[in-house]
Amino acid sequence: MNKSTTALITLAMLGSVVLTGCETMTTQQKGVGGGAAIGAIAGQVIGRDTKSTAMGAALGALGGYVWSRQMEEKKRQMEAVTAGTGTQVSQTADNQLKLSIPNDISFASGKSDIQPRLKPILDQFAQGVNQQASMEVKIIGHTDSTGSDAINNPLSVRRAESARDYLVSRGVAASRIGTEGRGSREPIADNATEAGRARNRRIDIYLAERQR
C-alpha cells in the first residue's frame, strides 16, 4: 500500500473520529481541532512534505467556510438583482458566494469610478452582509491585457477599493472587507478579441461565512 493510499485511509478514519468526537468538547473546538488534523493529513496527501502539511493544518484550523441557509438565500437574491446584467453568480468549491461583475456595468474603460448600474447590486449585497455578522467579503479587481502592468495593476486595485468604499458607505464595516488587485494576470477569456477583453475587465466579489 503506497503512502497516498495509507494517508487517505487515515484521513477517512480521522474524519469518523472527529464526527463522533469527545462529548466534553464544544462544537467549535471539535471543528477547529479536527479541521487542523484533517488539514494536516490532506497536506501530506497533496504535497507529501512538511511545508504542505503545515499549510494544510493552518487551513484546517480556520474551520473553512459553510454554505448555510443564509448563503443560499443570498445567492438567490443576488441572482435576482443581477438578472440581465451579465453578472455571474456562483457557489465556489470552498463554499463562497462569488459575483463576477463585468466592466460594462461596473466601471468605464480605464476608470475606477463606480457606474450607476453597479450600485443596486452593491446595495443588495451590503444589505445581506449587514444581516450576518459572521460573513466576510473579499473584492478582487481585474483588467484586460491592454496597457502595461504599471497601469493595470494600480487600476485593478482602485476598482476593488471603490467597491469596498461604496459598501462601507452602506454600513458594512471596513474591517470585514479585503481588497486586492490582480491586473491582467487572471484572464477568464481570450485577450486577443474585444469580447474577451471585455470579459476580463471585471471585479469579483466573494462573500463567505466562517464555520463556527
N, C-alpha and C. Protein backbone atom coordinates (compact mmCIF):
# COMPACT_ATOMS: atom_id res chain seq x y z
N MET A 1 0.86 -1.20 0.00
CA MET A 1 0.00 0.00 0.00
C MET A 1 0.89 1.24 0.00
N ASN A 2 0.69 2.17 -0.97
CA ASN A 2 1.57 3.33 -1.04
C ASN A 2 1.18 4.39 -0.01
N LYS A 3 2.04 5.41 0.11
CA LYS A 3 1.86 6.44 1.13
C LYS A 3 0.56 7.21 0.95
N SER A 4 0.20 7.54 -0.31
CA SER A 4 -1.03 8.30 -0.55
C SER A 4 -2.26 7.51 -0.12
N THR A 5 -2.27 6.22 -0.45
CA THR A 5 -3.42 5.39 -0.08
C THR A 5 -3.55 5.30 1.43
N THR A 6 -2.40 5.07 2.09
CA THR A 6 -2.40 5.00 3.56
C THR A 6 -2.93 6.28 4.17
N ALA A 7 -2.46 7.43 3.64
CA ALA A 7 -2.88 8.73 4.18
C ALA A 7 -4.37 8.95 3.98
N LEU A 8 -4.88 8.53 2.82
CA LEU A 8 -6.30 8.72 2.54
C LEU A 8 -7.16 7.88 3.49
N ILE A 9 -6.70 6.64 3.76
CA ILE A 9 -7.44 5.79 4.69
C ILE A 9 -7.42 6.40 6.07
N THR A 10 -6.24 6.92 6.46
CA THR A 10 -6.13 7.56 7.77
C THR A 10 -7.02 8.78 7.85
N LEU A 11 -7.10 9.56 6.78
CA LEU A 11 -7.95 10.73 6.73
C LEU A 11 -9.41 10.36 6.92
N ALA A 12 -9.83 9.30 6.27
CA ALA A 12 -11.22 8.85 6.41
C ALA A 12 -11.50 8.42 7.85
N MET A 13 -10.55 7.68 8.44
CA MET A 13 -10.72 7.24 9.82
C MET A 13 -10.77 8.42 10.77
N LEU A 14 -9.91 9.41 10.53
CA LEU A 14 -9.88 10.59 11.38
C LEU A 14 -11.17 11.36 11.27
N GLY A 15 -11.72 11.43 10.06
CA GLY A 15 -12.99 12.13 9.88
C GLY A 15 -14.08 11.50 10.72
N SER A 16 -14.07 10.17 10.78
CA SER A 16 -15.06 9.48 11.59
C SER A 16 -14.90 9.78 13.06
N VAL A 17 -13.64 9.82 13.52
CA VAL A 17 -13.36 10.14 14.92
C VAL A 17 -13.82 11.54 15.26
N VAL A 18 -13.54 12.49 14.35
CA VAL A 18 -13.92 13.88 14.60
C VAL A 18 -15.43 14.01 14.71
N LEU A 19 -16.13 13.30 13.82
CA LEU A 19 -17.59 13.42 13.82
C LEU A 19 -18.21 12.85 15.09
N THR A 20 -17.57 11.80 15.66
CA THR A 20 -18.13 11.20 16.85
C THR A 20 -17.53 11.73 18.13
N GLY A 21 -16.45 12.62 17.97
CA GLY A 21 -15.55 13.17 18.97
C GLY A 21 -15.95 13.15 20.43
N CYS A 22 -15.09 13.65 21.25
CA CYS A 22 -15.27 13.67 22.70
C CYS A 22 -16.44 14.55 23.10
N GLU A 23 -17.29 14.01 23.95
CA GLU A 23 -18.50 14.73 24.34
C GLU A 23 -18.21 15.96 25.20
N THR A 24 -16.99 16.03 25.74
CA THR A 24 -16.65 17.18 26.58
C THR A 24 -16.21 18.37 25.77
N MET A 25 -16.02 18.21 24.46
CA MET A 25 -15.58 19.31 23.61
C MET A 25 -16.79 20.06 23.06
N THR A 26 -16.62 21.35 22.88
CA THR A 26 -17.67 22.14 22.26
C THR A 26 -17.65 21.89 20.77
N THR A 27 -18.73 22.29 20.08
CA THR A 27 -18.79 22.14 18.62
C THR A 27 -17.66 22.90 17.94
N GLN A 28 -17.36 24.09 18.45
CA GLN A 28 -16.29 24.89 17.84
C GLN A 28 -14.94 24.23 18.04
N GLN A 29 -14.69 23.67 19.24
CA GLN A 29 -13.42 23.00 19.49
C GLN A 29 -13.25 21.79 18.58
N LYS A 30 -14.34 21.04 18.41
CA LYS A 30 -14.27 19.88 17.52
C LYS A 30 -13.96 20.31 16.10
N GLY A 31 -14.62 21.38 15.65
CA GLY A 31 -14.42 21.83 14.27
C GLY A 31 -13.02 22.33 14.04
N VAL A 32 -12.47 23.11 14.98
CA VAL A 32 -11.14 23.68 14.80
C VAL A 32 -10.07 22.62 14.96
N GLY A 33 -10.15 21.83 16.04
CA GLY A 33 -9.14 20.80 16.26
C GLY A 33 -9.18 19.75 15.17
N GLY A 34 -10.37 19.28 14.84
CA GLY A 34 -10.50 18.28 13.79
C GLY A 34 -10.08 18.82 12.45
N GLY A 35 -10.44 20.07 12.20
CA GLY A 35 -10.06 20.68 10.92
C GLY A 35 -8.56 20.75 10.77
N ALA A 36 -7.85 21.10 11.84
CA ALA A 36 -6.40 21.19 11.79
C ALA A 36 -5.78 19.83 11.51
N ALA A 37 -6.28 18.79 12.18
CA ALA A 37 -5.73 17.45 11.98
C ALA A 37 -6.00 16.95 10.57
N ILE A 38 -7.25 17.11 10.13
CA ILE A 38 -7.60 16.67 8.78
C ILE A 38 -6.83 17.47 7.74
N GLY A 39 -6.70 18.77 7.97
CA GLY A 39 -5.95 19.60 7.04
C GLY A 39 -4.50 19.17 6.95
N ALA A 40 -3.91 18.77 8.08
CA ALA A 40 -2.52 18.32 8.07
C ALA A 40 -2.35 17.08 7.22
N ILE A 41 -3.26 16.10 7.39
CA ILE A 41 -3.17 14.89 6.59
C ILE A 41 -3.42 15.19 5.12
N ALA A 42 -4.38 16.09 4.86
CA ALA A 42 -4.65 16.47 3.46
C ALA A 42 -3.41 17.09 2.84
N GLY A 43 -2.69 17.88 3.63
CA GLY A 43 -1.46 18.47 3.12
C GLY A 43 -0.44 17.42 2.76
N GLN A 44 -0.36 16.33 3.57
CA GLN A 44 0.57 15.25 3.26
C GLN A 44 0.18 14.53 1.99
N VAL A 45 -1.14 14.30 1.83
CA VAL A 45 -1.61 13.61 0.63
C VAL A 45 -1.29 14.41 -0.62
N ILE A 46 -1.50 15.73 -0.52
CA ILE A 46 -1.30 16.58 -1.69
C ILE A 46 0.17 16.85 -1.96
N GLY A 47 0.88 17.27 -0.91
CA GLY A 47 2.24 17.73 -1.12
C GLY A 47 3.31 16.77 -0.69
N ARG A 48 3.00 15.85 0.25
CA ARG A 48 3.97 14.87 0.75
C ARG A 48 5.21 15.55 1.31
N ASP A 49 5.08 16.73 1.90
CA ASP A 49 6.23 17.36 2.52
C ASP A 49 5.78 18.15 3.74
N THR A 50 6.75 18.56 4.54
CA THR A 50 6.44 19.26 5.79
C THR A 50 5.72 20.57 5.55
N LYS A 51 6.14 21.31 4.51
CA LYS A 51 5.52 22.60 4.22
C LYS A 51 4.05 22.43 3.90
N SER A 52 3.71 21.45 3.06
CA SER A 52 2.31 21.23 2.71
C SER A 52 1.51 20.78 3.92
N THR A 53 2.14 19.97 4.79
CA THR A 53 1.45 19.52 6.00
C THR A 53 1.10 20.69 6.89
N ALA A 54 2.07 21.60 7.08
CA ALA A 54 1.83 22.77 7.92
C ALA A 54 0.76 23.66 7.32
N MET A 55 0.78 23.82 6.01
CA MET A 55 -0.22 24.65 5.34
C MET A 55 -1.60 24.02 5.48
N GLY A 56 -1.68 22.70 5.31
CA GLY A 56 -2.96 22.02 5.45
C GLY A 56 -3.52 22.17 6.84
N ALA A 57 -2.64 22.07 7.85
CA ALA A 57 -3.09 22.23 9.23
C ALA A 57 -3.59 23.63 9.49
N ALA A 58 -2.90 24.63 8.95
CA ALA A 58 -3.32 26.01 9.14
C ALA A 58 -4.67 26.27 8.51
N LEU A 59 -4.88 25.76 7.28
CA LEU A 59 -6.16 25.95 6.61
C LEU A 59 -7.28 25.23 7.34
N GLY A 60 -6.98 24.03 7.81
CA GLY A 60 -7.99 23.28 8.53
C GLY A 60 -8.38 23.96 9.82
N ALA A 61 -7.39 24.56 10.51
CA ALA A 61 -7.66 25.20 11.79
C ALA A 61 -8.59 26.39 11.65
N LEU A 62 -8.61 26.99 10.47
CA LEU A 62 -9.51 28.12 10.25
C LEU A 62 -10.97 27.70 10.28
N GLY A 63 -11.21 26.43 10.08
CA GLY A 63 -12.58 25.94 10.14
C GLY A 63 -13.27 25.91 8.79
N GLY A 64 -12.72 26.60 7.78
CA GLY A 64 -13.31 26.60 6.47
C GLY A 64 -14.59 27.42 6.40
N TYR A 65 -15.25 27.36 5.25
CA TYR A 65 -16.49 28.09 5.03
C TYR A 65 -17.67 27.12 5.01
N VAL A 66 -18.83 27.64 5.36
CA VAL A 66 -20.04 26.83 5.33
C VAL A 66 -21.04 27.45 4.35
N TRP A 67 -21.86 26.59 3.75
CA TRP A 67 -22.91 27.05 2.86
C TRP A 67 -24.23 26.91 3.61
N SER A 68 -24.62 27.96 4.32
CA SER A 68 -25.79 27.93 5.18
C SER A 68 -27.05 28.34 4.42
N ARG A 69 -28.18 28.28 5.12
CA ARG A 69 -29.43 28.76 4.51
C ARG A 69 -29.32 30.22 4.13
N GLN A 70 -28.61 30.99 4.97
CA GLN A 70 -28.44 32.42 4.66
C GLN A 70 -27.63 32.62 3.38
N MET A 71 -26.62 31.78 3.18
CA MET A 71 -25.82 31.88 1.96
C MET A 71 -26.64 31.51 0.73
N GLU A 72 -27.45 30.47 0.85
CA GLU A 72 -28.29 30.07 -0.27
C GLU A 72 -29.31 31.16 -0.60
N GLU A 73 -29.88 31.77 0.43
CA GLU A 73 -30.83 32.85 0.21
C GLU A 73 -30.14 34.06 -0.42
N LYS A 74 -28.92 34.34 0.03
CA LYS A 74 -28.17 35.46 -0.55
C LYS A 74 -27.88 35.20 -2.03
N LYS A 75 -27.57 33.97 -2.37
CA LYS A 75 -27.33 33.62 -3.77
C LYS A 75 -28.57 33.88 -4.61
N ARG A 76 -29.74 33.47 -4.11
CA ARG A 76 -30.98 33.71 -4.86
C ARG A 76 -31.26 35.20 -5.01
N GLN A 77 -31.01 35.96 -3.96
CA GLN A 77 -31.23 37.41 -4.02
C GLN A 77 -30.32 38.06 -5.05
N MET A 78 -29.06 37.66 -5.06
CA MET A 78 -28.11 38.27 -5.99
C MET A 78 -28.39 37.85 -7.43
N GLU A 79 -28.88 36.63 -7.64
CA GLU A 79 -29.26 36.20 -8.99
C GLU A 79 -30.42 37.05 -9.49
N ALA A 80 -31.34 37.39 -8.58
CA ALA A 80 -32.50 38.19 -8.98
C ALA A 80 -32.09 39.62 -9.32
N VAL A 81 -31.25 40.21 -8.48
CA VAL A 81 -30.90 41.62 -8.67
C VAL A 81 -29.93 41.82 -9.83
N THR A 82 -29.20 40.78 -10.21
CA THR A 82 -28.24 40.91 -11.31
C THR A 82 -28.76 40.36 -12.63
N ALA A 83 -29.99 39.86 -12.65
CA ALA A 83 -30.54 39.27 -13.88
C ALA A 83 -30.45 40.24 -15.05
N GLY A 84 -29.92 39.76 -16.16
CA GLY A 84 -29.83 40.58 -17.36
C GLY A 84 -28.63 41.50 -17.42
N THR A 85 -27.77 41.47 -16.39
CA THR A 85 -26.62 42.38 -16.36
C THR A 85 -25.34 41.71 -16.86
N GLY A 86 -25.38 40.41 -17.05
CA GLY A 86 -24.17 39.69 -17.43
C GLY A 86 -23.32 39.26 -16.24
N THR A 87 -23.76 39.61 -15.04
CA THR A 87 -23.05 39.20 -13.83
C THR A 87 -23.23 37.70 -13.59
N GLN A 88 -22.15 37.02 -13.28
CA GLN A 88 -22.20 35.59 -12.99
C GLN A 88 -22.22 35.39 -11.47
N VAL A 89 -23.22 34.70 -10.98
CA VAL A 89 -23.36 34.42 -9.55
C VAL A 89 -23.19 32.92 -9.36
N SER A 90 -22.27 32.53 -8.49
CA SER A 90 -22.00 31.11 -8.35
C SER A 90 -21.53 30.78 -6.93
N GLN A 91 -21.61 29.50 -6.61
CA GLN A 91 -21.05 28.97 -5.36
C GLN A 91 -19.72 28.33 -5.70
N THR A 92 -18.65 28.75 -5.03
CA THR A 92 -17.33 28.20 -5.32
C THR A 92 -17.16 26.84 -4.66
N ALA A 93 -16.10 26.15 -5.03
CA ALA A 93 -15.85 24.82 -4.48
C ALA A 93 -15.64 24.86 -2.97
N ASP A 94 -15.16 26.00 -2.44
CA ASP A 94 -14.94 26.09 -0.99
C ASP A 94 -16.05 26.86 -0.29
N ASN A 95 -17.25 26.88 -0.92
CA ASN A 95 -18.47 27.42 -0.30
C ASN A 95 -18.48 28.93 -0.13
N GLN A 96 -17.86 29.65 -1.05
CA GLN A 96 -18.00 31.09 -1.08
C GLN A 96 -19.02 31.46 -2.18
N LEU A 97 -19.73 32.56 -1.95
CA LEU A 97 -20.61 33.10 -2.97
C LEU A 97 -19.79 34.08 -3.80
N LYS A 98 -19.75 33.85 -5.11
CA LYS A 98 -18.92 34.68 -5.99
C LYS A 98 -19.78 35.43 -6.98
N LEU A 99 -19.54 36.75 -7.07
CA LEU A 99 -20.15 37.59 -8.10
C LEU A 99 -19.05 38.06 -9.02
N SER A 100 -19.12 37.68 -10.28
CA SER A 100 -18.16 38.16 -11.28
C SER A 100 -18.88 39.21 -12.11
N ILE A 101 -18.52 40.48 -11.88
CA ILE A 101 -19.28 41.61 -12.42
C ILE A 101 -18.52 42.23 -13.59
N PRO A 102 -19.09 42.21 -14.79
CA PRO A 102 -18.38 42.71 -15.97
C PRO A 102 -18.19 44.22 -15.95
N ASN A 103 -17.17 44.64 -16.69
CA ASN A 103 -16.78 46.05 -16.69
C ASN A 103 -17.86 46.97 -17.23
N ASP A 104 -18.70 46.49 -18.16
CA ASP A 104 -19.66 47.40 -18.78
C ASP A 104 -20.74 47.89 -17.83
N ILE A 105 -20.93 47.22 -16.68
CA ILE A 105 -21.89 47.74 -15.71
C ILE A 105 -21.21 48.23 -14.43
N SER A 106 -19.90 48.06 -14.35
CA SER A 106 -19.22 48.43 -13.11
C SER A 106 -18.35 49.66 -13.25
N PHE A 107 -17.48 49.69 -14.25
CA PHE A 107 -16.55 50.81 -14.41
C PHE A 107 -16.37 51.13 -15.89
N ALA A 108 -16.21 52.40 -16.19
CA ALA A 108 -15.88 52.80 -17.56
C ALA A 108 -14.44 52.37 -17.86
N SER A 109 -14.14 52.19 -19.12
CA SER A 109 -12.81 51.74 -19.52
C SER A 109 -11.74 52.69 -18.98
N GLY A 110 -10.76 52.12 -18.28
CA GLY A 110 -9.66 52.91 -17.74
C GLY A 110 -10.01 53.70 -16.50
N LYS A 111 -11.23 53.53 -15.98
CA LYS A 111 -11.67 54.32 -14.83
C LYS A 111 -11.94 53.42 -13.62
N SER A 112 -12.01 54.04 -12.45
CA SER A 112 -12.30 53.29 -11.23
C SER A 112 -13.51 53.85 -10.49
N ASP A 113 -14.24 54.79 -11.14
CA ASP A 113 -15.46 55.33 -10.54
C ASP A 113 -16.62 54.37 -10.81
N ILE A 114 -17.37 54.04 -9.78
CA ILE A 114 -18.48 53.11 -9.90
C ILE A 114 -19.58 53.70 -10.79
N GLN A 115 -20.06 52.89 -11.74
CA GLN A 115 -21.15 53.32 -12.60
C GLN A 115 -22.51 53.09 -11.92
N PRO A 116 -23.51 53.86 -12.32
CA PRO A 116 -24.82 53.76 -11.67
C PRO A 116 -25.42 52.36 -11.67
N ARG A 117 -25.18 51.57 -12.72
CA ARG A 117 -25.79 50.24 -12.81
C ARG A 117 -25.23 49.26 -11.77
N LEU A 118 -24.05 49.56 -11.23
CA LEU A 118 -23.47 48.68 -10.23
C LEU A 118 -24.06 48.92 -8.84
N LYS A 119 -24.54 50.13 -8.60
CA LYS A 119 -24.97 50.49 -7.25
C LYS A 119 -26.10 49.63 -6.70
N PRO A 120 -27.16 49.33 -7.47
CA PRO A 120 -28.21 48.46 -6.91
C PRO A 120 -27.70 47.08 -6.51
N ILE A 121 -26.71 46.57 -7.25
CA ILE A 121 -26.13 45.27 -6.92
C ILE A 121 -25.39 45.36 -5.59
N LEU A 122 -24.60 46.41 -5.43
CA LEU A 122 -23.85 46.58 -4.19
C LEU A 122 -24.78 46.89 -3.02
N ASP A 123 -25.87 47.61 -3.29
CA ASP A 123 -26.85 47.90 -2.22
C ASP A 123 -27.43 46.60 -1.67
N GLN A 124 -27.84 45.70 -2.57
CA GLN A 124 -28.41 44.43 -2.14
C GLN A 124 -27.37 43.58 -1.42
N PHE A 125 -26.17 43.61 -1.94
CA PHE A 125 -25.08 42.85 -1.35
C PHE A 125 -24.80 43.34 0.08
N ALA A 126 -24.73 44.64 0.25
CA ALA A 126 -24.46 45.23 1.57
C ALA A 126 -25.56 44.86 2.56
N GLN A 127 -26.80 44.85 2.11
CA GLN A 127 -27.91 44.52 3.00
C GLN A 127 -27.75 43.12 3.57
N GLY A 128 -27.39 42.17 2.73
CA GLY A 128 -27.20 40.81 3.20
C GLY A 128 -26.03 40.67 4.14
N VAL A 129 -24.93 41.37 3.85
CA VAL A 129 -23.76 41.32 4.72
C VAL A 129 -24.08 41.88 6.10
N ASN A 130 -24.80 42.97 6.13
CA ASN A 130 -25.13 43.61 7.41
C ASN A 130 -26.02 42.75 8.29
N GLN A 131 -26.76 41.83 7.66
CA GLN A 131 -27.66 40.97 8.42
C GLN A 131 -26.94 39.79 9.05
N GLN A 132 -25.72 39.49 8.61
CA GLN A 132 -24.98 38.35 9.12
C GLN A 132 -23.58 38.78 9.54
N ALA A 133 -23.38 38.88 10.85
CA ALA A 133 -22.09 39.35 11.37
C ALA A 133 -20.95 38.38 11.10
N SER A 134 -21.27 37.11 10.83
CA SER A 134 -20.22 36.10 10.61
C SER A 134 -19.70 36.08 9.18
N MET A 135 -20.27 36.90 8.31
CA MET A 135 -19.86 36.89 6.90
C MET A 135 -18.70 37.85 6.66
N GLU A 136 -17.83 37.46 5.74
CA GLU A 136 -16.70 38.30 5.36
C GLU A 136 -16.67 38.47 3.85
N VAL A 137 -16.07 39.56 3.40
CA VAL A 137 -16.11 39.94 1.99
C VAL A 137 -14.69 40.11 1.44
N LYS A 138 -14.49 39.67 0.21
CA LYS A 138 -13.24 39.91 -0.50
C LYS A 138 -13.57 40.43 -1.89
N ILE A 139 -12.91 41.50 -2.30
CA ILE A 139 -13.14 42.10 -3.61
C ILE A 139 -11.83 42.11 -4.39
N ILE A 140 -11.86 41.56 -5.59
CA ILE A 140 -10.66 41.48 -6.42
C ILE A 140 -10.91 42.17 -7.75
N GLY A 141 -10.05 43.11 -8.09
CA GLY A 141 -10.16 43.83 -9.35
C GLY A 141 -9.28 43.22 -10.43
N HIS A 142 -9.77 43.26 -11.68
CA HIS A 142 -9.05 42.69 -12.81
C HIS A 142 -9.10 43.65 -14.00
N THR A 143 -8.14 43.53 -14.89
CA THR A 143 -8.14 44.31 -16.13
C THR A 143 -7.88 43.35 -17.30
N ASP A 144 -8.00 43.89 -18.53
CA ASP A 144 -7.56 43.11 -19.68
C ASP A 144 -6.06 43.34 -19.86
N SER A 145 -5.50 42.80 -20.93
CA SER A 145 -4.05 42.88 -21.13
C SER A 145 -3.60 44.14 -21.86
N THR A 146 -4.57 45.00 -22.23
CA THR A 146 -4.21 46.24 -22.89
C THR A 146 -3.48 47.15 -21.91
N GLY A 147 -2.37 47.72 -22.32
CA GLY A 147 -1.61 48.58 -21.43
C GLY A 147 -0.60 47.78 -20.62
N SER A 148 0.24 48.51 -19.88
CA SER A 148 1.31 47.89 -19.11
C SER A 148 0.85 47.54 -17.70
N ASP A 149 1.65 46.71 -17.03
CA ASP A 149 1.37 46.38 -15.64
C ASP A 149 1.38 47.63 -14.76
N ALA A 150 2.21 48.58 -15.14
CA ALA A 150 2.31 49.82 -14.36
C ALA A 150 0.98 50.58 -14.34
N ILE A 151 0.17 50.36 -15.37
CA ILE A 151 -1.16 50.99 -15.44
C ILE A 151 -2.23 50.05 -14.89
N ASN A 152 -2.17 48.80 -15.33
CA ASN A 152 -3.24 47.85 -14.98
C ASN A 152 -3.27 47.46 -13.51
N ASN A 153 -2.11 47.25 -12.93
CA ASN A 153 -2.10 46.79 -11.53
C ASN A 153 -2.73 47.80 -10.58
N PRO A 154 -2.32 49.06 -10.59
CA PRO A 154 -2.97 50.01 -9.69
C PRO A 154 -4.44 50.28 -10.04
N LEU A 155 -4.79 50.18 -11.34
CA LEU A 155 -6.17 50.38 -11.75
C LEU A 155 -7.05 49.29 -11.14
N SER A 156 -6.58 48.04 -11.18
CA SER A 156 -7.37 46.94 -10.62
C SER A 156 -7.53 47.11 -9.11
N VAL A 157 -6.51 47.63 -8.46
CA VAL A 157 -6.61 47.88 -7.01
C VAL A 157 -7.63 48.97 -6.72
N ARG A 158 -7.58 50.04 -7.50
CA ARG A 158 -8.50 51.17 -7.28
C ARG A 158 -9.95 50.74 -7.49
N ARG A 159 -10.19 49.88 -8.44
CA ARG A 159 -11.56 49.40 -8.69
C ARG A 159 -12.07 48.59 -7.50
N ALA A 160 -11.23 47.71 -6.98
CA ALA A 160 -11.63 46.94 -5.81
C ALA A 160 -11.89 47.85 -4.62
N GLU A 161 -11.05 48.86 -4.47
CA GLU A 161 -11.21 49.78 -3.34
C GLU A 161 -12.45 50.66 -3.50
N SER A 162 -12.80 51.01 -4.72
CA SER A 162 -14.02 51.79 -4.95
C SER A 162 -15.26 51.00 -4.54
N ALA A 163 -15.27 49.71 -4.90
CA ALA A 163 -16.40 48.86 -4.50
C ALA A 163 -16.43 48.72 -2.98
N ARG A 164 -15.27 48.57 -2.38
CA ARG A 164 -15.22 48.49 -0.91
C ARG A 164 -15.76 49.76 -0.27
N ASP A 165 -15.31 50.91 -0.77
CA ASP A 165 -15.73 52.17 -0.18
C ASP A 165 -17.24 52.36 -0.30
N TYR A 166 -17.82 51.89 -1.40
CA TYR A 166 -19.26 52.00 -1.55
C TYR A 166 -19.98 51.12 -0.53
N LEU A 167 -19.49 49.90 -0.34
CA LEU A 167 -20.10 49.02 0.66
C LEU A 167 -19.99 49.62 2.06
N VAL A 168 -18.86 50.24 2.35
CA VAL A 168 -18.68 50.89 3.65
C VAL A 168 -19.69 52.02 3.82
N SER A 169 -19.94 52.75 2.72
CA SER A 169 -20.92 53.85 2.79
C SER A 169 -22.32 53.33 3.03
N ARG A 170 -22.53 52.04 2.80
CA ARG A 170 -23.83 51.41 3.03
C ARG A 170 -23.85 50.63 4.35
N GLY A 171 -22.87 50.89 5.19
CA GLY A 171 -22.90 50.36 6.54
C GLY A 171 -22.08 49.13 6.82
N VAL A 172 -21.38 48.59 5.80
CA VAL A 172 -20.54 47.42 6.03
C VAL A 172 -19.22 47.87 6.65
N ALA A 173 -18.81 47.23 7.74
CA ALA A 173 -17.57 47.61 8.41
C ALA A 173 -16.38 47.33 7.49
N ALA A 174 -15.49 48.32 7.37
CA ALA A 174 -14.32 48.17 6.50
C ALA A 174 -13.45 46.99 6.93
N SER A 175 -13.46 46.68 8.22
CA SER A 175 -12.64 45.58 8.73
C SER A 175 -13.09 44.22 8.22
N ARG A 176 -14.29 44.16 7.67
CA ARG A 176 -14.82 42.88 7.16
C ARG A 176 -14.56 42.70 5.67
N ILE A 177 -13.92 43.69 5.04
CA ILE A 177 -13.73 43.66 3.59
C ILE A 177 -12.25 43.66 3.25
N GLY A 178 -11.82 42.66 2.50
CA GLY A 178 -10.46 42.62 1.98
C GLY A 178 -10.47 42.99 0.50
N THR A 179 -9.46 43.68 0.04
CA THR A 179 -9.38 44.07 -1.37
C THR A 179 -8.03 43.66 -1.96
N GLU A 180 -8.05 43.43 -3.26
CA GLU A 180 -6.84 43.04 -3.96
C GLU A 180 -6.99 43.37 -5.43
N GLY A 181 -5.89 43.75 -6.06
CA GLY A 181 -5.89 43.98 -7.50
C GLY A 181 -4.94 43.01 -8.17
N ARG A 182 -5.39 42.37 -9.23
CA ARG A 182 -4.55 41.38 -9.90
C ARG A 182 -4.26 41.73 -11.35
N GLY A 183 -4.52 42.99 -11.71
CA GLY A 183 -4.17 43.44 -13.05
C GLY A 183 -4.75 42.55 -14.12
N SER A 184 -3.88 42.15 -15.06
CA SER A 184 -4.33 41.29 -16.17
C SER A 184 -3.87 39.85 -15.98
N ARG A 185 -3.46 39.50 -14.77
CA ARG A 185 -2.82 38.20 -14.54
C ARG A 185 -3.78 37.02 -14.53
N GLU A 186 -5.09 37.26 -14.39
CA GLU A 186 -6.04 36.15 -14.28
C GLU A 186 -7.19 36.31 -15.28
N PRO A 187 -6.90 36.23 -16.57
CA PRO A 187 -7.98 36.36 -17.56
C PRO A 187 -8.92 35.18 -17.52
N ILE A 188 -10.18 35.44 -17.84
CA ILE A 188 -11.17 34.36 -17.95
C ILE A 188 -11.60 34.17 -19.40
N ALA A 189 -11.03 34.98 -20.30
CA ALA A 189 -11.35 34.90 -21.73
C ALA A 189 -10.12 35.32 -22.52
N ASP A 190 -10.21 35.16 -23.83
CA ASP A 190 -9.09 35.44 -24.72
C ASP A 190 -8.90 36.94 -24.89
N ASN A 191 -7.74 37.45 -24.51
CA ASN A 191 -7.46 38.88 -24.65
C ASN A 191 -7.20 39.30 -26.10
N ALA A 192 -7.19 38.31 -27.01
CA ALA A 192 -6.95 38.64 -28.42
C ALA A 192 -8.18 39.22 -29.09
N THR A 193 -9.35 39.10 -28.46
CA THR A 193 -10.58 39.63 -29.03
C THR A 193 -11.18 40.70 -28.12
N GLU A 194 -11.96 41.60 -28.69
CA GLU A 194 -12.59 42.65 -27.88
C GLU A 194 -13.59 42.04 -26.90
N ALA A 195 -14.32 41.03 -27.35
CA ALA A 195 -15.28 40.38 -26.46
C ALA A 195 -14.57 39.74 -25.27
N GLY A 196 -13.43 39.12 -25.55
CA GLY A 196 -12.67 38.51 -24.47
C GLY A 196 -12.10 39.54 -23.52
N ARG A 197 -11.59 40.62 -24.05
CA ARG A 197 -11.05 41.68 -23.19
C ARG A 197 -12.14 42.28 -22.32
N ALA A 198 -13.35 42.42 -22.88
CA ALA A 198 -14.46 42.98 -22.10
C ALA A 198 -14.79 42.07 -20.92
N ARG A 199 -14.72 40.76 -21.11
CA ARG A 199 -14.99 39.83 -20.01
C ARG A 199 -13.91 39.90 -18.95
N ASN A 200 -12.69 40.12 -19.37
CA ASN A 200 -11.57 40.16 -18.42
C ASN A 200 -11.56 41.43 -17.58
N ARG A 201 -12.16 42.51 -18.07
CA ARG A 201 -12.26 43.74 -17.29
C ARG A 201 -13.43 43.60 -16.32
N ARG A 202 -13.15 43.28 -15.08
CA ARG A 202 -14.22 42.92 -14.15
C ARG A 202 -13.77 43.09 -12.71
N ILE A 203 -14.72 42.99 -11.80
CA ILE A 203 -14.39 42.78 -10.39
C ILE A 203 -15.10 41.51 -9.93
N ASP A 204 -14.43 40.75 -9.10
CA ASP A 204 -15.01 39.57 -8.49
C ASP A 204 -15.22 39.87 -7.01
N ILE A 205 -16.44 39.65 -6.54
CA ILE A 205 -16.75 39.88 -5.13
C ILE A 205 -17.12 38.54 -4.50
N TYR A 206 -16.47 38.23 -3.40
CA TYR A 206 -16.70 36.97 -2.70
C TYR A 206 -17.33 37.24 -1.34
N LEU A 207 -18.32 36.44 -1.00
CA LEU A 207 -18.95 36.51 0.32
C LEU A 207 -18.81 35.12 0.95
N ALA A 208 -18.32 35.08 2.18
CA ALA A 208 -18.08 33.80 2.82
C ALA A 208 -18.52 33.85 4.27
N GLU A 209 -18.97 32.70 4.75
CA GLU A 209 -19.37 32.55 6.15
C GLU A 209 -18.49 31.51 6.81
N ARG A 210 -17.78 31.91 7.85
CA ARG A 210 -16.86 31.01 8.53
C ARG A 210 -17.61 29.94 9.32
N GLN A 211 -17.05 28.74 9.30
CA GLN A 211 -17.58 27.69 10.18
C GLN A 211 -17.25 28.07 11.61
N ARG A 212 -18.25 27.99 12.48
CA ARG A 212 -18.04 28.40 13.87
C ARG A 212 -18.07 27.22 14.81
